[in-house]
C-alpha atoms as a PDB file:
ATOM      1  CA  MET A   1      -9.252  -6.836  13.398  1.00  0.00           C
ATOM      2  CA  ALA A   2      -8.744  -3.587  15.343  1.00  0.00           C
ATOM      3  CA  GLY A   3      -4.996  -4.127  15.142  1.00  0.00           C
ATOM      4  CA  THR A   4      -5.218  -4.673  11.404  1.00  0.00           C
ATOM      5  CA  PHE A   5      -7.033  -1.394  10.839  1.00  0.00           C
ATOM      6  CA  SER A   6      -4.736   0.433  13.240  1.00  0.00           C
ATOM      7  CA  ASP A   7      -1.582  -0.812  11.525  1.00  0.00           C
ATOM      8  CA  SER A   8      -3.067  -0.133   8.089  1.00  0.00           C
ATOM      9  CA  TRP A   9      -3.902   3.446   8.990  1.00  0.00           C
ATOM     10  CA  ARG A  10      -0.433   4.005  10.449  1.00  0.00           C
ATOM     11  CA  LEU A  11       1.199   2.598   7.318  1.00  0.00           C
ATOM     12  CA  THR A  12      -0.979   4.820   5.124  1.00  0.00           C
ATOM     13  CA  LYS A  13      -0.043   7.885   7.182  1.00  0.00           C
ATOM     14  CA  ILE A  14       3.617   6.920   6.933  1.00  0.00           C
ATOM     15  CA  SER A  15       3.349   6.766   3.139  1.00  0.00           C
ATOM     16  CA  PHE A  16       1.795  10.211   2.841  1.00  0.00           C
ATOM     17  CA  GLY A  17       4.095  11.531   5.542  1.00  0.00           C
ATOM     18  CA  LEU A  18       7.183  10.570   3.572  1.00  0.00           C
ATOM     19  CA  ILE A  19       5.811  12.283   0.461  1.00  0.00           C
ATOM     20  CA  PHE A  20       5.038  15.498   2.349  1.00  0.00           C
ATOM     21  CA  GLN A  21       8.464  15.325   3.930  1.00  0.00           C
ATOM     22  CA  ASP A  22      10.199  14.805   0.602  1.00  0.00           C
ATOM     23  CA  SER A  23       8.225  15.794  -2.503  1.00  0.00           C
ATOM     24  CA  ALA A  24      11.154  14.588  -4.651  1.00  0.00           C
ATOM     25  CA  LEU A  25       9.506  11.151  -4.441  1.00  0.00           C
ATOM     26  CA  LEU A  26       6.905  12.467  -6.888  1.00  0.00           C
ATOM     27  CA  VAL A  27       9.627  12.607  -9.533  1.00  0.00           C
ATOM     28  CA  PHE A  28       9.559   8.855 -10.186  1.00  0.00           C
ATOM     29  CA  PRO A  29       5.913   8.453 -11.298  1.00  0.00           C
ATOM     30  CA  LEU A  30       6.110  11.786 -13.119  1.00  0.00           C
ATOM     31  CA  VAL A  31       9.071  10.636 -15.193  1.00  0.00           C
ATOM     32  CA  ALA A  32       7.390   7.264 -15.752  1.00  0.00           C
ATOM     33  CA  GLY A  33       4.157   8.896 -16.919  1.00  0.00           C
ATOM     34  CA  LEU A  34       5.870  11.278 -19.324  1.00  0.00           C
ATOM     35  CA  SER A  35       8.078   8.492 -20.690  1.00  0.00           C
ATOM     36  CA  ALA A  36       5.094   6.201 -21.226  1.00  0.00           C
ATOM     37  CA  LEU A  37       3.243   8.976 -23.060  1.00  0.00           C
ATOM     38  CA  ALA A  38       6.288   9.486 -25.294  1.00  0.00           C
ATOM     39  CA  VAL A  39       6.385   5.769 -26.121  1.00  0.00           C
ATOM     40  CA  LEU A  40       2.660   5.705 -26.938  1.00  0.00           C
ATOM     41  CA  ALA A  41       3.040   8.800 -29.123  1.00  0.00           C
ATOM     42  CA  LEU A  42       5.864   7.128 -31.050  1.00  0.00           C
ATOM     43  CA  PHE A  43       3.722   4.006 -31.481  1.00  0.00           C
ATOM     44  CA  ALA A  44       0.790   6.061 -32.783  1.00  0.00           C
ATOM     45  CA  PHE A  45       2.951   8.024 -35.223  1.00  0.00           C
ATOM     46  CA  GLY A  46       4.749   4.876 -36.326  1.00  0.00           C
ATOM     47  CA  THR A  47       1.564   3.012 -37.210  1.00  0.00           C
ATOM     48  CA  TYR A  48       0.084   6.110 -38.859  1.00  0.00           C
ATOM     49  CA  PHE A  49       3.051   6.775 -41.134  1.00  0.00           C
ATOM     50  CA  LEU A  50       3.511   3.115 -42.003  1.00  0.00           C
ATOM     51  CA  ALA A  51      -0.017   2.804 -43.397  1.00  0.00           C
ATOM     52  CA  PRO A  52       0.550   4.719 -46.667  1.00  0.00           C
ATOM     53  CA  LEU A  53       3.747   2.759 -47.319  1.00  0.00           C
ATOM     54  CA  LEU A  54       2.013  -0.621 -47.103  1.00  0.00           C
ATOM     55  CA  LEU A  55      -1.140   0.068 -49.099  1.00  0.00           C
ATOM     56  CA  VAL A  56      -1.798  -2.290 -52.021  1.00  0.00           C
ATOM     57  CA  GLY A  57      -4.768  -1.485 -54.213  1.00  0.00           C
ATOM     58  CA  GLY A  58      -6.203   0.723 -51.504  1.00  0.00           C
ATOM     59  CA  ASN A  59      -6.061  -2.037 -48.873  1.00  0.00           C
ATOM     60  CA  LEU A  60      -3.606  -2.615 -46.087  1.00  0.00           C
ATOM     61  CA  THR A  61      -1.379  -5.635 -46.592  1.00  0.00           C
ATOM     62  CA  THR A  62      -0.769  -8.463 -44.155  1.00  0.00           C
ATOM     63  CA  SER A  63       2.708  -7.001 -43.640  1.00  0.00           C
ATOM     64  CA  TYR A  64       1.140  -3.907 -42.119  1.00  0.00           C
ATOM     65  CA  GLU A  65      -0.830  -6.022 -39.657  1.00  0.00           C
ATOM     66  CA  VAL A  66       2.294  -7.931 -38.662  1.00  0.00           C
ATOM     67  CA  VAL A  67       4.313  -4.730 -38.279  1.00  0.00           C
ATOM     68  CA  GLY A  68       1.471  -3.201 -36.294  1.00  0.00           C
ATOM     69  CA  ILE A  69       1.402  -6.154 -33.900  1.00  0.00           C
ATOM     70  CA  VAL A  70       5.184  -6.010 -33.464  1.00  0.00           C
ATOM     71  CA  LEU A  71       5.045  -2.266 -32.782  1.00  0.00           C
ATOM     72  CA  PHE A  72       2.236  -2.799 -30.279  1.00  0.00           C
ATOM     73  CA  LEU A  73       4.193  -5.487 -28.419  1.00  0.00           C
ATOM     74  CA  VAL A  74       7.294  -3.287 -28.356  1.00  0.00           C
ATOM     75  CA  ALA A  75       5.251  -0.361 -27.031  1.00  0.00           C
ATOM     76  CA  TYR A  76       3.535  -2.581 -24.453  1.00  0.00           C
ATOM     77  CA  PHE A  77       6.821  -3.979 -23.190  1.00  0.00           C
ATOM     78  CA  SER A  78       8.414  -0.513 -23.152  1.00  0.00           C
ATOM     79  CA  THR A  79       5.640   1.007 -21.047  1.00  0.00           C
ATOM     80  CA  THR A  80       5.703  -2.013 -18.717  1.00  0.00           C
ATOM     81  CA  PHE A  81       9.455  -1.711 -18.269  1.00  0.00           C
ATOM     82  CA  ILE A  82       9.174   2.032 -17.632  1.00  0.00           C
ATOM     83  CA  SER A  83       6.611   1.351 -14.914  1.00  0.00           C
ATOM     84  CA  VAL A  84       8.708  -1.426 -13.343  1.00  0.00           C
ATOM     85  CA  TYR A  85      11.924   0.609 -13.450  1.00  0.00           C
ATOM     86  CA  ALA A  86      10.343   3.753 -11.994  1.00  0.00           C
ATOM     87  CA  THR A  87       8.581   1.749  -9.282  1.00  0.00           C
ATOM     88  CA  ALA A  88      11.885   0.107  -8.356  1.00  0.00           C
ATOM     89  CA  ALA A  89      13.533   3.530  -8.086  1.00  0.00           C
ATOM     90  CA  LEU A  90      10.653   4.805  -5.945  1.00  0.00           C
ATOM     91  CA  VAL A  91      10.690   1.757  -3.666  1.00  0.00           C
ATOM     92  CA  GLY A  92      14.461   2.101  -3.325  1.00  0.00           C
ATOM     93  CA  ALA A  93      14.304   5.789  -2.389  1.00  0.00           C
ATOM     94  CA  ALA A  94      11.361   5.218  -0.034  1.00  0.00           C
ATOM     95  CA  THR A  95      13.180   2.382   1.714  1.00  0.00           C
ATOM     96  CA  LEU A  96      16.161   4.654   2.337  1.00  0.00           C
ATOM     97  CA  LYS A  97      13.746   7.204   3.827  1.00  0.00           C
ATOM     98  CA  LEU A  98      12.206   4.531   6.034  1.00  0.00           C
ATOM     99  CA  GLN A  99      15.705   3.750   7.293  1.00  0.00           C
ATOM    100  CA  GLY A 100      16.120   7.357   8.391  1.00  0.00           C
ATOM    101  CA  GLN A 101      18.338   8.456   5.489  1.00  0.00           C
ATOM    102  CA  GLN A 102      17.852  11.453   3.204  1.00  0.00           C
ATOM    103  CA  PRO A 103      18.103  10.094  -0.350  1.00  0.00           C
ATOM    104  CA  THR A 104      17.899  12.131  -3.519  1.00  0.00           C
ATOM    105  CA  ALA A 105      16.065  11.073  -6.679  1.00  0.00           C
ATOM    106  CA  ALA A 106      19.466  10.034  -8.056  1.00  0.00           C
ATOM    107  CA  ASP A 107      19.795   7.481  -5.237  1.00  0.00           C
ATOM    108  CA  GLY A 108      16.522   5.873  -6.265  1.00  0.00           C
ATOM    109  CA  TRP A 109      17.540   5.660  -9.923  1.00  0.00           C
ATOM    110  CA  LYS A 110      20.903   4.228  -8.840  1.00  0.00           C
ATOM    111  CA  ILE A 111      19.193   1.387  -6.949  1.00  0.00           C
ATOM    112  CA  ALA A 112      17.020   0.582  -9.968  1.00  0.00           C
ATOM    113  CA  ARG A 113      20.010   0.729 -12.315  1.00  0.00           C
ATOM    114  CA  ALA A 114      21.955  -1.698 -10.112  1.00  0.00           C
ATOM    115  CA  ASN A 115      19.154  -4.243 -10.618  1.00  0.00           C
ATOM    116  CA  LEU A 116      18.563  -3.526 -14.306  1.00  0.00           C
ATOM    117  CA  GLY A 117      18.954  -7.131 -15.510  1.00  0.00           C
ATOM    118  CA  ARG A 118      16.388  -8.626 -13.139  1.00  0.00           C
ATOM    119  CA  LEU A 119      14.009  -5.722 -13.734  1.00  0.00           C
ATOM    120  CA  LEU A 120      14.220  -6.237 -17.499  1.00  0.00           C
ATOM    121  CA  VAL A 121      13.400  -9.927 -17.183  1.00  0.00           C
ATOM    122  CA  TRP A 122      10.552  -9.184 -14.784  1.00  0.00           C
ATOM    123  CA  ALA A 123       9.136  -6.540 -17.128  1.00  0.00           C
ATOM    124  CA  LEU A 124       9.174  -9.086 -19.954  1.00  0.00           C
ATOM    125  CA  ILE A 125       7.328 -11.624 -17.789  1.00  0.00           C
ATOM    126  CA  ALA A 126       4.808  -9.035 -16.587  1.00  0.00           C
ATOM    127  CA  ALA A 127       4.168  -7.751 -20.110  1.00  0.00           C
ATOM    128  CA  THR A 128       3.718 -11.285 -21.460  1.00  0.00           C
ATOM    129  CA  VAL A 129       1.219 -12.209 -18.746  1.00  0.00           C
ATOM    130  CA  GLY A 130      -0.599  -8.932 -19.274  1.00  0.00           C
ATOM    131  CA  VAL A 131      -0.972  -9.600 -23.006  1.00  0.00           C
ATOM    132  CA  LEU A 132      -2.145 -13.167 -22.356  1.00  0.00           C
ATOM    133  CA  ILE A 133      -4.803 -11.969 -19.909  1.00  0.00           C
ATOM    134  CA  GLN A 134      -6.038  -9.441 -22.483  1.00  0.00           C
ATOM    135  CA  LEU A 135      -6.114 -12.070 -25.230  1.00  0.00           C
ATOM    136  CA  ILE A 136      -8.067 -14.545 -23.093  1.00  0.00           C
ATOM    137  CA  SER A 137     -10.494 -11.843 -22.022  1.00  0.00           C
ATOM    138  CA  ALA A 138     -11.017 -10.700 -25.611  1.00  0.00           C
ATOM    139  CA  ARG A 139     -11.484 -14.266 -26.855  1.00  0.00           C
ATOM    140  CA  LEU A 140     -14.236 -15.008 -24.336  1.00  0.00           C
ATOM    141  CA  LYS A 141     -16.022 -11.708 -25.045  1.00  0.00           C
ATOM    142  CA  GLY A 142     -18.988 -10.255 -23.194  1.00  0.00           C
ATOM    143  CA  ALA A 143     -19.504 -10.548 -19.444  1.00  0.00           C
ATOM    144  CA  ALA A 144     -17.483 -13.780 -19.265  1.00  0.00           C
ATOM    145  CA  GLY A 145     -14.469 -12.052 -20.757  1.00  0.00           C
ATOM    146  CA  LEU A 146     -14.768  -9.123 -18.351  1.00  0.00           C
ATOM    147  CA  ILE A 147     -15.117 -11.433 -15.344  1.00  0.00           C
ATOM    148  CA  VAL A 148     -12.247 -13.719 -16.308  1.00  0.00           C
ATOM    149  CA  GLY A 149     -10.046 -10.769 -17.215  1.00  0.00           C
ATOM    150  CA  GLY A 150     -10.870  -8.986 -13.971  1.00  0.00           C
ATOM    151  CA  VAL A 151     -10.259 -12.040 -11.784  1.00  0.00           C
ATOM    152  CA  ALA A 152      -7.039 -12.940 -13.607  1.00  0.00           C
ATOM    153  CA  GLY A 153      -5.794  -9.361 -13.422  1.00  0.00           C
ATOM    154  CA  ALA A 154      -6.594  -9.060  -9.706  1.00  0.00           C
ATOM    155  CA  THR A 155      -4.950 -12.413  -8.928  1.00  0.00           C
ATOM    156  CA  TRP A 156      -1.830 -11.413 -10.835  1.00  0.00           C
ATOM    157  CA  ALA A 157      -1.699  -8.041  -9.069  1.00  0.00           C
ATOM    158  CA  ILE A 158      -1.948  -9.740  -5.666  1.00  0.00           C
ATOM    159  CA  ALA A 159       0.685 -12.368  -6.457  1.00  0.00           C
ATOM    160  CA  THR A 160       3.148  -9.785  -7.791  1.00  0.00           C
ATOM    161  CA  TYR A 161       2.629  -7.081  -5.165  1.00  0.00           C
ATOM    162  CA  PHE A 162       6.001  -7.579  -3.444  1.00  0.00           C
ATOM    163  CA  VAL A 163       7.998  -8.731  -6.478  1.00  0.00           C
ATOM    164  CA  ILE A 164       9.904  -5.478  -6.978  1.00  0.00           C
ATOM    165  CA  PRO A 165      11.151  -5.069  -3.374  1.00  0.00           C
ATOM    166  CA  VAL A 166      12.030  -8.781  -3.316  1.00  0.00           C
ATOM    167  CA  LEU A 167      14.020  -8.334  -6.534  1.00  0.00           C
ATOM    168  CA  LEU A 168      15.812  -5.329  -5.056  1.00  0.00           C
ATOM    169  CA  TYR A 169      16.605  -6.596  -1.573  1.00  0.00           C
ATOM    170  CA  GLU A 170      16.587 -10.378  -1.689  1.00  0.00           C
ATOM    171  CA  ARG A 171      18.132 -10.598  -5.169  1.00  0.00           C
ATOM    172  CA  LEU A 172      16.148 -13.662  -6.155  1.00  0.00           C
ATOM    173  CA  SER A 173      15.410 -14.542  -9.762  1.00  0.00           C
ATOM    174  CA  PRO A 174      12.156 -13.084 -11.142  1.00  0.00           C
ATOM    175  CA  TRP A 175      10.324 -16.426 -10.931  1.00  0.00           C
ATOM    176  CA  LYS A 176      11.477 -17.072  -7.367  1.00  0.00           C
ATOM    177  CA  SER A 177      10.589 -13.485  -6.502  1.00  0.00           C
ATOM    178  CA  LEU A 178       7.061 -14.142  -7.759  1.00  0.00           C
ATOM    179  CA  GLY A 179       6.661 -17.106  -5.418  1.00  0.00           C
ATOM    180  CA  ARG A 180       8.174 -15.177  -2.521  1.00  0.00           C
ATOM    181  CA  SER A 181       5.890 -12.215  -3.243  1.00  0.00           C
ATOM    182  CA  ALA A 182       2.741 -14.357  -3.204  1.00  0.00           C
ATOM    183  CA  LYS A 183       3.707 -15.925   0.133  1.00  0.00           C
ATOM    184  CA  MET A 184       4.489 -12.521   1.653  1.00  0.00           C
ATOM    185  CA  PHE A 185       1.157 -11.109   0.521  1.00  0.00           C
ATOM    186  CA  MET A 186      -0.759 -14.007   2.073  1.00  0.00           C
ATOM    187  CA  SER A 187       1.194 -13.729   5.330  1.00  0.00           C
ATOM    188  CA  THR A 188       0.214 -10.047   5.633  1.00  0.00           C
ATOM    189  CA  PHE A 189      -3.087 -10.356   3.767  1.00  0.00           C
ATOM    190  CA  GLY A 190      -5.263  -8.336   6.145  1.00  0.00           C
ATOM    191  CA  ARG A 191      -2.963  -5.368   6.602  1.00  0.00           C
ATOM    192  CA  THR A 192      -1.829  -5.252   2.976  1.00  0.00           C
ATOM    193  CA  LEU A 193      -5.391  -5.424   1.646  1.00  0.00           C
ATOM    194  CA  VAL A 194      -6.878  -2.938   4.107  1.00  0.00           C
ATOM    195  CA  THR A 195      -4.014  -0.478   3.672  1.00  0.00           C
ATOM    196  CA  ASN A 196      -4.426  -0.488  -0.104  1.00  0.00           C
ATOM    197  CA  ILE A 197      -8.197  -0.070   0.252  1.00  0.00           C
ATOM    198  CA  VAL A 198      -7.714   2.912   2.582  1.00  0.00           C
ATOM    199  CA  LEU A 199      -5.228   4.468   0.180  1.00  0.00           C
ATOM    200  CA  GLY A 200      -7.520   3.810  -2.776  1.00  0.00           C
ATOM    201  CA  LEU A 201     -10.508   5.422  -1.063  1.00  0.00           C
ATOM    202  CA  LEU A 202      -8.494   8.527  -0.207  1.00  0.00           C
ATOM    203  CA  ILE A 203      -7.265   8.946  -3.775  1.00  0.00           C
ATOM    204  CA  ILE A 204     -10.658   8.173  -5.319  1.00  0.00           C
ATOM    205  CA  GLY A 205     -12.197  10.804  -3.054  1.00  0.00           C
ATOM    206  CA  GLY A 206      -9.708  13.372  -4.359  1.00  0.00           C
ATOM    207  CA  ILE A 207     -10.336  12.372  -7.979  1.00  0.00           C
ATOM    208  CA  ILE A 208     -14.115  12.649  -7.494  1.00  0.00           C
ATOM    209  CA  LEU A 209     -13.612  16.146  -6.073  1.00  0.00           C
ATOM    210  CA  ALA A 210     -11.496  17.057  -9.096  1.00  0.00           C
ATOM    211  CA  PHE A 211     -14.160  15.673 -11.438  1.00  0.00           C
ATOM    212  CA  LEU A 212     -16.917  17.667  -9.741  1.00  0.00           C
ATOM    213  CA  LEU A 213     -14.850  20.847  -9.938  1.00  0.00           C
ATOM    214  CA  GLY A 214     -14.265  20.254 -13.642  1.00  0.00           C
ATOM    215  CA  VAL A 215     -17.928  19.513 -14.398  1.00  0.00           C
ATOM    216  CA  PHE A 216     -19.117  22.537 -12.436  1.00  0.00           C
ATOM    217  CA  GLY A 217     -16.510  24.660 -14.208  1.00  0.00           C
ATOM    218  CA  LEU A 218     -17.762  23.504 -17.622  1.00  0.00           C
ATOM    219  CA  TYR A 219     -21.342  24.185 -16.527  1.00  0.00           C
ATOM    220  CA  LEU A 220     -20.409  27.753 -15.603  1.00  0.00           C
ATOM    221  CA  ILE A 221     -18.592  28.234 -18.918  1.00  0.00           C
ATOM    222  CA  PHE A 222     -21.665  27.172 -20.919  1.00  0.00           C
ATOM    223  CA  SER A 223     -23.826  29.290 -18.617  1.00  0.00           C
ATOM    224  CA  GLY A 224     -21.908  32.431 -19.521  1.00  0.00           C
ATOM    225  CA  VAL A 225     -19.748  32.697 -16.390  1.00  0.00           C
ATOM    226  CA  ALA A 226     -16.624  32.010 -18.408  1.00  0.00           C
ATOM    227  CA  VAL A 227     -13.859  33.340 -16.150  1.00  0.00           C
ATOM    228  CA  LEU A 228     -14.941  31.519 -12.991  1.00  0.00           C
ATOM    229  CA  GLY A 229     -15.793  28.420 -15.032  1.00  0.00           C
ATOM    230  CA  ILE A 230     -12.340  28.284 -16.622  1.00  0.00           C
ATOM    231  CA  ILE A 231     -10.689  28.735 -13.227  1.00  0.00           C
ATOM    232  CA  LEU A 232     -12.704  25.872 -11.743  1.00  0.00           C
ATOM    233  CA  ALA A 233     -12.188  23.617 -14.775  1.00  0.00           C
ATOM    234  CA  VAL A 234      -8.421  24.178 -14.762  1.00  0.00           C
ATOM    235  CA  THR A 235      -8.345  23.709 -10.984  1.00  0.00           C
ATOM    236  CA  GLY A 236     -10.251  20.433 -11.337  1.00  0.00           C
ATOM    237  CA  LEU A 237      -7.824  19.218 -13.998  1.00  0.00           C
ATOM    238  CA  GLY A 238      -4.855  20.180 -11.851  1.00  0.00           C
ATOM    239  CA  VAL A 239      -6.282  18.487  -8.764  1.00  0.00           C
ATOM    240  CA  GLY A 240      -7.012  15.363 -10.810  1.00  0.00           C
ATOM    241  CA  VAL A 241      -3.471  15.151 -12.167  1.00  0.00           C
ATOM    242  CA  LEU A 242      -2.052  15.825  -8.699  1.00  0.00           C
ATOM    243  CA  MET A 243      -4.198  13.111  -7.118  1.00  0.00           C
ATOM    244  CA  VAL A 244      -3.140  10.540  -9.723  1.00  0.00           C
ATOM    245  CA  LEU A 245       0.509  11.499  -9.204  1.00  0.00           C
ATOM    246  CA  LEU A 246       0.136  11.491  -5.429  1.00  0.00           C
ATOM    247  CA  GLY A 247      -1.719   8.175  -5.475  1.00  0.00           C
ATOM    248  CA  THR A 248       0.900   6.481  -7.653  1.00  0.00           C
ATOM    249  CA  THR A 249       3.693   7.765  -5.437  1.00  0.00           C
ATOM    250  CA  ALA A 250       1.910   6.799  -2.233  1.00  0.00           C
ATOM    251  CA  GLU A 251       1.298   3.297  -3.597  1.00  0.00           C
ATOM    252  CA  GLY A 252       5.019   2.848  -4.265  1.00  0.00           C
ATOM    253  CA  VAL A 253       5.991   4.189  -0.837  1.00  0.00           C
ATOM    254  CA  LEU A 254       3.328   2.007   0.768  1.00  0.00           C
ATOM    255  CA  ARG A 255       4.732  -1.029  -1.007  1.00  0.00           C
ATOM    256  CA  ALA A 256       8.146  -0.297   0.503  1.00  0.00           C
ATOM    257  CA  ALA A 257       6.637   0.186   3.978  1.00  0.00           C
ATOM    258  CA  LEU A 258       4.559  -2.986   3.724  1.00  0.00           C
ATOM    259  CA  TYR A 259       7.592  -4.952   2.565  1.00  0.00           C
ATOM    260  CA  ARG A 260       9.502  -3.809   5.629  1.00  0.00           C
ATOM    261  CA  TYR A 261       6.515  -4.714   7.759  1.00  0.00           C
ATOM    262  CA  ALA A 262       6.267  -8.140   6.089  1.00  0.00           C
ATOM    263  CA  THR A 263       9.947  -8.873   6.727  1.00  0.00           C
ATOM    264  CA  THR A 264      10.075  -7.544  10.320  1.00  0.00           C
ATOM    265  CA  GLY A 265       6.515  -7.639  11.618  1.00  0.00           C
ATOM    266  CA  LYS A 266       7.034  -4.262  13.271  1.00  0.00           C
ATOM    267  CA  ILE A 267       5.850  -0.675  12.914  1.00  0.00           C
ATOM    268  CA  ASP A 268       7.675   1.276  15.592  1.00  0.00           C
ATOM    269  CA  MET A 269       9.973   4.202  16.356  1.00  0.00           C
ATOM    270  CA  ASP A 270      13.167   2.142  16.090  1.00  0.00           C
ATOM    271  CA  LEU A 271      12.255   0.649  12.719  1.00  0.00           C
ATOM    272  CA  MET A 272      11.180   3.876  10.999  1.00  0.00           C
ATOM    273  CA  PRO A 273      12.251   6.807  13.192  1.00  0.00           C
ATOM    274  CA  GLN A 274      11.601   9.793  10.937  1.00  0.00           C
ATOM    275  CA  ALA A 275       8.620   8.403   9.117  1.00  0.00           C
ATOM    276  CA  TYR A 276       6.847   7.315  12.294  1.00  0.00           C
ATOM    277  CA  ARG A 277       7.363  10.657  14.027  1.00  0.00           C
ATOM    278  CA  LEU A 278       6.010  12.424  10.983  1.00  0.00           C
ATOM    279  CA  SER A 279       3.000  10.119  10.750  1.00  0.00           C
ATOM    280  CA  SER A 280       2.179  10.854  14.381  1.00  0.00           C
ATOM    281  CA  ALA A 281       2.659  14.611  14.403  1.00  0.00           C
ATOM    282  CA  GLY A 282       3.395  15.826  10.920  1.00  0.00           C
ATOM    283  CA  PRO A 283       1.397  17.311   8.075  1.00  0.00           C
ATOM    284  CA  VAL A 284      -0.811  14.291   7.672  1.00  0.00           C
ATOM    285  CA  GLY A 285      -1.645  14.422  11.405  1.00  0.00           C
END
């Protein structure tokens, strides 16, 4: 158990160390987030402007409902693909860093682009499963729906944890990658689970701090201390956005590090020279 926690902490430090060493890794989740927001905005505008065109006697027609469902599915798949593609680029760039290279953001996008076909198929599978889980959860309703949806979602997340690095570096089909991913997760269950819990706690702590800053800032604004309140509220918002961005990036880097650990069983100077030195003596100390 001590070894599990020790390895997990070292892997977490490596993930943050790589980000501090190369902040360009933050580009991938930033681009993904902005792209997803653009897709959702287009979906919202599309459904809004379609409504007046499909009104019959003051009521929406069945055609509108069908079009709305199609637009939703397109938007859902698009955001899923954006997430998959950006994660692949991040994992690719992080893996190059773990190998002691100095990649640029373009190198990460190049790795994702080279695997575009498999990533597209995987995004379609992931989106389909995601929709099915939501439909089952909604159909059951109440606590049962929440429980089933939560368990199904967690199981899917565990089974698919290593799918993207497997797709990139073992070049298996998406379905075979899913099976390989599940086996890899179980073989490194303790370290993978603990490392993600440690990372989650760190990010949640930062988000809570951001929330408290924002709430206190709003309190000061309504109490008449407007200038200081605005500063704190804006600072809280900025810290919150930064923590979400940092957490998403760290999760992608951690996935790359855990994949290397799962395929080698090692965390040492020879395996990850720059990252390990940084995790031992760098900014994350």
